PDB file of N, CA and C in Angstrom:
ATOM      1  N   UNK A   1      -3.710  -5.758 -10.080  1.00  0.00           N
ATOM      2  CA  UNK A   1      -3.119  -4.731 -10.886  1.00  0.00           C
ATOM      3  C   UNK A   1      -2.292  -3.773 -10.025  1.00  0.00           C
ATOM      4  N   UNK A   2      -2.789  -3.460  -8.832  1.00  0.00           N
ATOM      5  CA  UNK A   2      -2.054  -2.528  -7.987  1.00  0.00           C
ATOM      6  C   UNK A   2      -0.710  -3.087  -7.558  1.00  0.00           C
ATOM      7  N   UNK A   3      -0.649  -4.392  -7.305  1.00  0.00           N
ATOM      8  CA  UNK A   3       0.628  -4.966  -6.891  1.00  0.00           C
ATOM      9  C   UNK A   3       1.646  -4.902  -8.023  1.00  0.00           C
ATOM     10  N   UNK A   4       1.196  -5.112  -9.252  1.00  0.00           N
ATOM     11  CA  UNK A   4       2.098  -5.015 -10.409  1.00  0.00           C
ATOM     12  C   UNK A   4       2.618  -3.591 -10.568  1.00  0.00           C
ATOM     13  N   UNK A   5       1.728  -2.622 -10.418  1.00  0.00           N
ATOM     14  CA  UNK A   5       2.144  -1.229 -10.543  1.00  0.00           C
ATOM     15  C   UNK A   5       3.101  -0.825  -9.425  1.00  0.00           C
ATOM     16  N   UNK A   6       2.866  -1.331  -8.215  1.00  0.00           N
ATOM     17  CA  UNK A   6       3.772  -1.043  -7.106  1.00  0.00           C
ATOM     18  C   UNK A   6       5.150  -1.651  -7.367  1.00  0.00           C
ATOM     19  N   UNK A   7       5.171  -2.860  -7.909  1.00  0.00           N
ATOM     20  CA  UNK A   7       6.450  -3.509  -8.219  1.00  0.00           C
ATOM     21  C   UNK A   7       7.210  -2.732  -9.292  1.00  0.00           C
ATOM     22  N   UNK A   8       6.512  -2.322 -10.326  1.00  0.00           N
ATOM     23  CA  UNK A   8       7.151  -1.548 -11.394  1.00  0.00           C
ATOM     24  C   UNK A   8       7.668  -0.225 -10.852  1.00  0.00           C
ATOM     25  N   UNK A   9       6.849   0.445 -10.055  1.00  0.00           N
ATOM     26  CA  UNK A   9       7.260   1.716  -9.471  1.00  0.00           C
ATOM     27  C   UNK A   9       8.483   1.539  -8.580  1.00  0.00           C
ATOM     28  N   UNK A  10       8.481   0.481  -7.757  1.00  0.00           N
ATOM     29  CA  UNK A  10       9.626   0.219  -6.894  1.00  0.00           C
ATOM     30  C   UNK A  10      10.891  -0.060  -7.688  1.00  0.00           C
ATOM     31  N   UNK A  11      10.779  -0.870  -8.740  1.00  0.00           N
ATOM     32  CA  UNK A  11      11.944  -1.171  -9.572  1.00  0.00           C
ATOM     33  C   UNK A  11      12.469   0.079 -10.280  1.00  0.00           C
ATOM     34  N   UNK A  12      11.552   0.894 -10.781  1.00  0.00           N
ATOM     35  CA  UNK A  12      11.988   2.122 -11.441  1.00  0.00           C
ATOM     36  C   UNK A  12      12.609   3.103 -10.455  1.00  0.00           C
ATOM     37  N   UNK A  13      12.100   3.128  -9.220  1.00  0.00           N
ATOM     38  CA  UNK A  13      12.708   3.963  -8.194  1.00  0.00           C
ATOM     39  C   UNK A  13      14.127   3.518  -7.886  1.00  0.00           C
ATOM     40  N   UNK A  14      14.337   2.203  -7.808  1.00  0.00           N
ATOM     41  CA  UNK A  14      15.685   1.674  -7.573  1.00  0.00           C
ATOM     42  C   UNK A  14      16.589   1.980  -8.760  1.00  0.00           C
ATOM     43  N   UNK A  15      16.067   1.824  -9.963  1.00  0.00           N
ATOM     44  CA  UNK A  15      16.846   2.152 -11.161  1.00  0.00           C
ATOM     45  C   UNK A  15      17.236   3.628 -11.180  1.00  0.00           C
ATOM     46  N   UNK A  16      16.301   4.500 -10.817  1.00  0.00           N
ATOM     47  CA  UNK A  16      16.606   5.933 -10.765  1.00  0.00           C
ATOM     48  C   UNK A  16      17.696   6.208  -9.737  1.00  0.00           C
ATOM     49  N   UNK A  17      17.672   5.498  -8.615  1.00  0.00           N
ATOM     50  CA  UNK A  17      18.728   5.661  -7.620  1.00  0.00           C
ATOM     51  C   UNK A  17      20.077   5.237  -8.186  1.00  0.00           C
ATOM     52  N   UNK A  18      20.108   4.103  -8.882  1.00  0.00           N
ATOM     53  CA  UNK A  18      21.369   3.610  -9.456  1.00  0.00           C
ATOM     54  C   UNK A  18      21.938   4.602 -10.459  1.00  0.00           C
ATOM     55  N   UNK A  19      21.070   5.218 -11.224  1.00  0.00           N
ATOM     56  CA  UNK A  19      21.511   6.180 -12.239  1.00  0.00           C
ATOM     57  C   UNK A  19      21.959   7.501 -11.608  1.00  0.00           C
ATOM     58  N   UNK A  20      21.214   7.973 -10.592  1.00  0.00           N
ATOM     59  CA  UNK A  20      21.466   9.312 -10.047  1.00  0.00           C
ATOM     60  C   UNK A  20      22.197   9.318  -8.713  1.00  0.00           C
ATOM     61  N   UNK A  21      22.228   8.196  -8.020  1.00  0.00           N
ATOM     62  CA  UNK A  21      22.765   8.112  -6.655  1.00  0.00           C
ATOM     63  C   UNK A  21      22.079   9.073  -5.699  1.00  0.00           C
ATOM     64  N   UNK A  22      20.815   9.366  -5.976  1.00  0.00           N
ATOM     65  CA  UNK A  22      20.012  10.233  -5.117  1.00  0.00           C
ATOM     66  C   UNK A  22      19.138   9.346  -4.237  1.00  0.00           C
ATOM     67  N   UNK A  23      19.403   9.332  -2.939  1.00  0.00           N
ATOM     68  CA  UNK A  23      18.727   8.452  -1.994  1.00  0.00           C
ATOM     69  C   UNK A  23      17.213   8.691  -1.910  1.00  0.00           C
ATOM     70  N   UNK A  24      16.727   9.834  -2.362  1.00  0.00           N
ATOM     71  CA  UNK A  24      15.291  10.120  -2.305  1.00  0.00           C
ATOM     72  C   UNK A  24      14.496   9.154  -3.183  1.00  0.00           C
ATOM     73  N   UNK A  25      15.111   8.668  -4.262  1.00  0.00           N
ATOM     74  CA  UNK A  25      14.438   7.671  -5.092  1.00  0.00           C
ATOM     75  C   UNK A  25      14.214   6.375  -4.313  1.00  0.00           C
ATOM     76  N   UNK A  26      15.164   6.019  -3.470  1.00  0.00           N
ATOM     77  CA  UNK A  26      15.022   4.810  -2.655  1.00  0.00           C
ATOM     78  C   UNK A  26      13.901   4.959  -1.625  1.00  0.00           C
ATOM     79  N   UNK A  27      13.747   6.156  -1.098  1.00  0.00           N
ATOM     80  CA  UNK A  27      12.656   6.397  -0.146  1.00  0.00           C
ATOM     81  C   UNK A  27      11.311   6.150  -0.833  1.00  0.00           C
ATOM     82  N   UNK A  28      11.155   6.721  -2.029  1.00  0.00           N
ATOM     83  CA  UNK A  28       9.916   6.510  -2.773  1.00  0.00           C
ATOM     84  C   UNK A  28       9.681   5.041  -3.087  1.00  0.00           C
ATOM     85  N   UNK A  29      10.739   4.351  -3.489  1.00  0.00           N
ATOM     86  CA  UNK A  29      10.622   2.926  -3.813  1.00  0.00           C
ATOM     87  C   UNK A  29      10.242   2.121  -2.573  1.00  0.00           C
ATOM     88  N   UNK A  30      10.877   2.411  -1.456  1.00  0.00           N
ATOM     89  CA  UNK A  30      10.569   1.684  -0.220  1.00  0.00           C
ATOM     90  C   UNK A  30       9.134   1.926   0.228  1.00  0.00           C
ATOM     91  N   UNK A  31       8.673   3.164   0.104  1.00  0.00           N
ATOM     92  CA  UNK A  31       7.302   3.475   0.523  1.00  0.00           C
ATOM     93  C   UNK A  31       6.270   2.768  -0.342  1.00  0.00           C
ATOM     94  N   UNK A  32       6.492   2.736  -1.648  1.00  0.00           N
ATOM     95  CA  UNK A  32       5.498   2.101  -2.521  1.00  0.00           C
ATOM     96  C   UNK A  32       5.518   0.585  -2.358  1.00  0.00           C
ATOM     97  N   UNK A  33       6.691   0.002  -2.170  1.00  0.00           N
ATOM     98  CA  UNK A  33       6.789  -1.452  -2.004  1.00  0.00           C
ATOM     99  C   UNK A  33       6.301  -1.871  -0.607  1.00  0.00           C
ATOM    100  N   UNK A  34       6.328  -0.968   0.357  1.00  0.00           N
ATOM    101  CA  UNK A  34       5.838  -1.271   1.707  1.00  0.00           C
ATOM    102  C   UNK A  34       4.358  -1.629   1.705  1.00  0.00           C
ATOM    103  N   UNK A  35       3.647  -1.255   0.658  1.00  0.00           N
ATOM    104  CA  UNK A  35       2.234  -1.617   0.559  1.00  0.00           C
ATOM    105  C   UNK A  35       2.023  -3.130   0.509  1.00  0.00           C
ATOM    106  N   UNK A  36       2.958  -3.866  -0.065  1.00  0.00           N
ATOM    107  CA  UNK A  36       2.804  -5.325  -0.175  1.00  0.00           C
ATOM    108  C   UNK A  36       2.730  -5.993   1.199  1.00  0.00           C
ATOM    109  N   UNK A  37       3.782  -5.868   2.030  1.00  0.00           N
ATOM    110  CA  UNK A  37       3.696  -6.546   3.324  1.00  0.00           C
ATOM    111  C   UNK A  37       2.583  -5.971   4.204  1.00  0.00           C
ATOM    112  N   UNK A  38       2.339  -4.681   4.094  1.00  0.00           N
ATOM    113  CA  UNK A  38       1.260  -4.085   4.876  1.00  0.00           C
ATOM    114  C   UNK A  38      -0.083  -4.716   4.504  1.00  0.00           C
ATOM    115  N   UNK A  39      -0.316  -4.885   3.222  1.00  0.00           N
ATOM    116  CA  UNK A  39      -1.572  -5.487   2.766  1.00  0.00           C
ATOM    117  C   UNK A  39      -1.672  -6.940   3.216  1.00  0.00           C
ATOM    118  N   UNK A  40      -0.604  -7.694   3.037  1.00  0.00           N
ATOM    119  CA  UNK A  40      -0.637  -9.120   3.376  1.00  0.00           C
ATOM    120  C   UNK A  40      -0.786  -9.380   4.871  1.00  0.00           C
ATOM    121  N   UNK A  41      -0.020  -8.655   5.687  1.00  0.00           N
ATOM    122  CA  UNK A  41       0.052  -8.982   7.105  1.00  0.00           C
ATOM    123  C   UNK A  41      -0.840  -8.129   8.003  1.00  0.00           C
ATOM    124  N   UNK A  42      -1.198  -6.951   7.573  1.00  0.00           N
ATOM    125  CA  UNK A  42      -2.022  -6.070   8.410  1.00  0.00           C
ATOM    126  C   UNK A  42      -3.471  -6.042   7.919  1.00  0.00           C
ATOM    127  N   UNK A  43      -3.674  -5.826   6.633  1.00  0.00           N
ATOM    128  CA  UNK A  43      -5.039  -5.753   6.113  1.00  0.00           C
ATOM    129  C   UNK A  43      -5.619  -7.152   5.899  1.00  0.00           C
ATOM    130  N   UNK A  44      -4.793  -8.104   5.520  1.00  0.00           N
ATOM    131  CA  UNK A  44      -5.257  -9.459   5.225  1.00  0.00           C
ATOM    132  C   UNK A  44      -6.103 -10.095   6.318  1.00  0.00           C
ATOM    133  N   UNK A  45      -5.666 -10.051   7.584  1.00  0.00           N
ATOM    134  CA  UNK A  45      -6.477 -10.661   8.638  1.00  0.00           C
ATOM    135  C   UNK A  45      -7.863 -10.020   8.811  1.00  0.00           C
ATOM    136  N   UNK A  46      -8.022  -8.799   8.405  1.00  0.00           N
ATOM    137  CA  UNK A  46      -9.344  -8.157   8.438  1.00  0.00           C
ATOM    138  C   UNK A  46     -10.105  -8.457   7.158  1.00  0.00           C
ATOM    139  N   UNK A  47      -9.405  -8.453   6.050  1.00  0.00           N
ATOM    140  CA  UNK A  47     -10.043  -8.652   4.752  1.00  0.00           C
ATOM    141  C   UNK A  47     -10.580 -10.077   4.570  1.00  0.00           C
ATOM    142  N   UNK A  48      -9.837 -11.056   5.030  1.00  0.00           N
ATOM    143  CA  UNK A  48     -10.236 -12.457   4.815  1.00  0.00           C
ATOM    144  C   UNK A  48     -11.600 -12.794   5.411  1.00  0.00           C
ATOM    145  N   UNK A  49     -11.888 -12.436   6.673  1.00  0.00           N
ATOM    146  CA  UNK A  49     -13.231 -12.732   7.189  1.00  0.00           C
ATOM    147  C   UNK A  49     -14.326 -11.951   6.462  1.00  0.00           C
ATOM    148  N   UNK A  50     -13.998 -10.746   6.018  1.00  0.00           N
ATOM    149  CA  UNK A  50     -14.995  -9.972   5.273  1.00  0.00           C
ATOM    150  C   UNK A  50     -15.329 -10.651   3.950  1.00  0.00           C
ATOM    151  N   UNK A  51     -14.328 -11.126   3.261  1.00  0.00           N
ATOM    152  CA  UNK A  51     -14.557 -11.787   1.979  1.00  0.00           C
ATOM    153  C   UNK A  51     -15.329 -13.096   2.148  1.00  0.00           C
ATOM    154  N   UNK A  52     -15.199 -13.730   3.302  1.00  0.00           N
ATOM    155  CA  UNK A  52     -15.875 -15.003   3.548  1.00  0.00           C
ATOM    156  C   UNK A  52     -17.321 -14.818   4.038  1.00  0.00           C
ATOM    157  N   UNK A  53     -17.694 -13.593   4.337  1.00  0.00           N
ATOM    158  CA  UNK A  53     -19.034 -13.331   4.865  1.00  0.00           C
ATOM    159  C   UNK A  53     -20.017 -13.090   3.728  1.00  0.00           C
ATOM    160  N   UNK A  54     -21.091 -13.842   3.731  1.00  0.00           N
ATOM    161  CA  UNK A  54     -22.151 -13.609   2.751  1.00  0.00           C
ATOM    162  C   UNK A  54     -23.043 -12.476   3.264  1.00  0.00           C
ATOM    163  N   UNK A  55     -23.739 -11.792   2.386  1.00  0.00           N
ATOM    164  CA  UNK A  55     -24.626 -10.707   2.836  1.00  0.00           C
ATOM    165  C   UNK A  55     -25.651 -11.177   3.875  1.00  0.00           C
ATOM    166  N   UNK A  56     -26.103 -12.413   3.770  1.00  0.00           N
ATOM    167  CA  UNK A  56     -27.088 -12.933   4.716  1.00  0.00           C
ATOM    168  C   UNK A  56     -26.490 -13.147   6.110  1.00  0.00           C
ATOM    169  N   UNK A  57     -25.187 -13.398   6.170  1.00  0.00           N
ATOM    170  CA  UNK A  57     -24.528 -13.674   7.452  1.00  0.00           C
ATOM    171  C   UNK A  57     -23.937 -12.419   8.101  1.00  0.00           C
ATOM    172  N   UNK A  58     -24.053 -11.274   7.454  1.00  0.00           N
ATOM    173  CA  UNK A  58     -23.485 -10.036   7.998  1.00  0.00           C
ATOM    174  C   UNK A  58     -24.235  -9.624   9.261  1.00  0.00           C
ATOM    175  N   UNK A  59     -23.482  -9.072  10.221  1.00  0.00           N
ATOM    176  CA  UNK A  59     -24.072  -8.614  11.479  1.00  0.00           C
ATOM    177  C   UNK A  59     -23.255  -7.443  11.999  1.00  0.00           C
ATOM    178  N   UNK A  60     -23.464  -7.039  13.227  1.00  0.00           N
ATOM    179  CA  UNK A  60     -22.784  -5.857  13.785  1.00  0.00           C
ATOM    180  C   UNK A  60     -21.267  -6.024  13.779  1.00  0.00           C
ATOM    181  N   UNK A  61     -20.784  -7.220  14.057  1.00  0.00           N
ATOM    182  CA  UNK A  61     -19.334  -7.450  14.037  1.00  0.00           C
ATOM    183  C   UNK A  61     -18.773  -7.237  12.626  1.00  0.00           C
ATOM    184  N   UNK A  62     -19.529  -7.618  11.624  1.00  0.00           N
ATOM    185  CA  UNK A  62     -19.113  -7.409  10.238  1.00  0.00           C
ATOM    186  C   UNK A  62     -18.956  -5.914   9.959  1.00  0.00           C
ATOM    187  N   UNK A  63     -19.894  -5.120  10.462  1.00  0.00           N
ATOM    188  CA  UNK A  63     -19.813  -3.661  10.280  1.00  0.00           C
ATOM    189  C   UNK A  63     -18.547  -3.122  10.925  1.00  0.00           C
ATOM    190  N   UNK A  64     -18.202  -3.640  12.099  1.00  0.00           N
ATOM    191  CA  UNK A  64     -16.965  -3.228  12.760  1.00  0.00           C
ATOM    192  C   UNK A  64     -15.736  -3.571  11.931  1.00  0.00           C
ATOM    193  N   UNK A  65     -15.751  -4.739  11.299  1.00  0.00           N
ATOM    194  CA  UNK A  65     -14.632  -5.132  10.434  1.00  0.00           C
ATOM    195  C   UNK A  65     -14.529  -4.220   9.211  1.00  0.00           C
ATOM    196  N   UNK A  66     -15.679  -3.825   8.690  1.00  0.00           N
ATOM    197  CA  UNK A  66     -15.668  -2.916   7.538  1.00  0.00           C
ATOM    198  C   UNK A  66     -15.079  -1.565   7.940  1.00  0.00           C
ATOM    199  N   UNK A  67     -15.458  -1.071   9.101  1.00  0.00           N
ATOM    200  CA  UNK A  67     -14.888   0.194   9.591  1.00  0.00           C
ATOM    201  C   UNK A  67     -13.385   0.065   9.790  1.00  0.00           C
ATOM    202  N   UNK A  68     -12.961  -1.051  10.378  1.00  0.00           N
ATOM    203  CA  UNK A  68     -11.529  -1.286  10.598  1.00  0.00           C
ATOM    204  C   UNK A  68     -10.797  -1.367   9.262  1.00  0.00           C
ATOM    205  N   UNK A  69     -11.390  -2.062   8.293  1.00  0.00           N
ATOM    206  CA  UNK A  69     -10.770  -2.190   6.979  1.00  0.00           C
ATOM    207  C   UNK A  69     -10.576  -0.804   6.345  1.00  0.00           C
ATOM    208  N   UNK A  70     -11.559   0.069   6.503  1.00  0.00           N
ATOM    209  CA  UNK A  70     -11.454   1.419   5.947  1.00  0.00           C
ATOM    210  C   UNK A  70     -10.293   2.191   6.556  1.00  0.00           C
ATOM    211  N   UNK A  71     -10.117   2.080   7.868  1.00  0.00           N
ATOM    212  CA  UNK A  71      -8.990   2.768   8.520  1.00  0.00           C
ATOM    213  C   UNK A  71      -7.656   2.185   8.053  1.00  0.00           C
ATOM    214  N   UNK A  72      -7.594   0.870   7.949  1.00  0.00           N
ATOM    215  CA  UNK A  72      -6.359   0.228   7.502  1.00  0.00           C
ATOM    216  C   UNK A  72      -6.041   0.597   6.052  1.00  0.00           C
ATOM    217  N   UNK A  73      -7.063   0.659   5.228  1.00  0.00           N
ATOM    218  CA  UNK A  73      -6.850   1.009   3.821  1.00  0.00           C
ATOM    219  C   UNK A  73      -6.382   2.456   3.685  1.00  0.00           C
ATOM    220  N   UNK A  74      -6.789   3.319   4.585  1.00  0.00           N
ATOM    221  CA  UNK A  74      -6.326   4.711   4.546  1.00  0.00           C
ATOM    222  C   UNK A  74      -4.807   4.775   4.699  1.00  0.00           C
ATOM    223  N   UNK A  75      -4.245   3.865   5.477  1.00  0.00           N
ATOM    224  CA  UNK A  75      -2.782   3.825   5.624  1.00  0.00           C
ATOM    225  C   UNK A  75      -2.139   3.443   4.295  1.00  0.00           C
ATOM    226  N   UNK A  76      -2.734   2.492   3.588  1.00  0.00           N
ATOM    227  CA  UNK A  76      -2.224   2.130   2.252  1.00  0.00           C
ATOM    228  C   UNK A  76      -2.233   3.330   1.323  1.00  0.00           C
ATOM    229  N   UNK A  77      -3.305   4.076   1.364  1.00  0.00           N
ATOM    230  CA  UNK A  77      -3.398   5.280   0.531  1.00  0.00           C
ATOM    231  C   UNK A  77      -2.329   6.285   0.928  1.00  0.00           C
ATOM    232  N   UNK A  78      -2.094   6.416   2.231  1.00  0.00           N
ATOM    233  CA  UNK A  78      -1.063   7.348   2.716  1.00  0.00           C
ATOM    234  C   UNK A  78       0.328   6.914   2.257  1.00  0.00           C
ATOM    235  N   UNK A  79       0.581   5.607   2.241  1.00  0.00           N
ATOM    236  CA  UNK A  79       1.879   5.120   1.745  1.00  0.00           C
ATOM    237  C   UNK A  79       2.061   5.479   0.272  1.00  0.00           C
ATOM    238  N   UNK A  80       1.011   5.312  -0.517  1.00  0.00           N
ATOM    239  CA  UNK A  80       1.087   5.678  -1.932  1.00  0.00           C
ATOM    240  C   UNK A  80       1.306   7.164  -2.118  1.00  0.00           C
ATOM    241  N   UNK A  81       0.617   7.970  -1.326  1.00  0.00           N
ATOM    242  CA  UNK A  81       0.793   9.422  -1.405  1.00  0.00           C
ATOM    243  C   UNK A  81       2.203   9.818  -0.994  1.00  0.00           C
ATOM    244  N   UNK A  82       2.700   9.212   0.080  1.00  0.00           N
ATOM    245  CA  UNK A  82       4.058   9.515   0.534  1.00  0.00           C
ATOM    246  C   UNK A  82       5.093   9.116  -0.521  1.00  0.00           C
ATOM    247  N   UNK A  83       4.885   7.992  -1.181  1.00  0.00           N
ATOM    248  CA  UNK A  83       5.799   7.570  -2.250  1.00  0.00           C
ATOM    249  C   UNK A  83       5.765   8.566  -3.398  1.00  0.00           C
ATOM    250  N   UNK A  84       4.579   9.017  -3.756  1.00  0.00           N
ATOM    251  CA  UNK A  84       4.456  10.008  -4.840  1.00  0.00           C
ATOM    252  C   UNK A  84       5.182  11.289  -4.475  1.00  0.00           C
ATOM    253  N   UNK A  85       5.009  11.744  -3.248  1.00  0.00           N
ATOM    254  CA  UNK A  85       5.692  12.966  -2.789  1.00  0.00           C
ATOM    255  C   UNK A  85       7.205  12.767  -2.833  1.00  0.00           C
ATOM    256  N   UNK A  86       7.684  11.599  -2.386  1.00  0.00           N
ATOM    257  CA  UNK A  86       9.132  11.334  -2.417  1.00  0.00           C
ATOM    258  C   UNK A  86       9.666  11.336  -3.838  1.00  0.00           C
ATOM    259  N   UNK A  87       8.913  10.726  -4.760  1.00  0.00           N
ATOM    260  CA  UNK A  87       9.350  10.715  -6.155  1.00  0.00           C
ATOM    261  C   UNK A  87       9.358  12.124  -6.745  1.00  0.00           C
ATOM    262  N   UNK A  88       8.342  12.903  -6.436  1.00  0.00           N
ATOM    263  CA  UNK A  88       8.323  14.287  -6.922  1.00  0.00           C
ATOM    264  C   UNK A  88       9.462  15.101  -6.333  1.00  0.00           C
ATOM    265  N   UNK A  89       9.762  14.870  -5.065  1.00  0.00           N
ATOM    266  CA  UNK A  89      10.875  15.543  -4.414  1.00  0.00           C
ATOM    267  C   UNK A  89      12.191  15.163  -5.096  1.00  0.00           C
ATOM    268  N   UNK A  90      12.358  13.896  -5.400  1.00  0.00           N
ATOM    269  CA  UNK A  90      13.586  13.430  -6.050  1.00  0.00           C
ATOM    270  C   UNK A  90      13.686  13.948  -7.481  1.00  0.00           C
ATOM    271  N   UNK A  91      12.564  14.152  -8.125  1.00  0.00           N
ATOM    272  CA  UNK A  91      12.572  14.596  -9.522  1.00  0.00           C
ATOM    273  C   UNK A  91      12.984  16.060  -9.671  1.00  0.00           C
ATOM    274  N   UNK A  92      12.926  16.808  -8.577  1.00  0.00           N
ATOM    275  CA  UNK A  92      13.308  18.237  -8.663  1.00  0.00           C
ATOM    276  C   UNK A  92      14.791  18.429  -8.636  1.00  0.00           C
TER     277      UNK A  92
END
């Protein structure tokens, strides 16, 4: 669901740029769409081993991966926040 919402937000940001020629809409669109490659290429290598681990097979290394995943996910949240700020800035 989040990827669909990011795509819609990015498309609407581009549409707003086409209508207004205000580059701030493009910044917001780029920031929200940046979540896709970030998730696939940066979070994915951490997420995949976590998803493959059963609760019985979890160990200290698994805990380290969970901590790493949390830090990586915080960047995703920051990208969404930055996109929201850019859109609000453009809307003024």
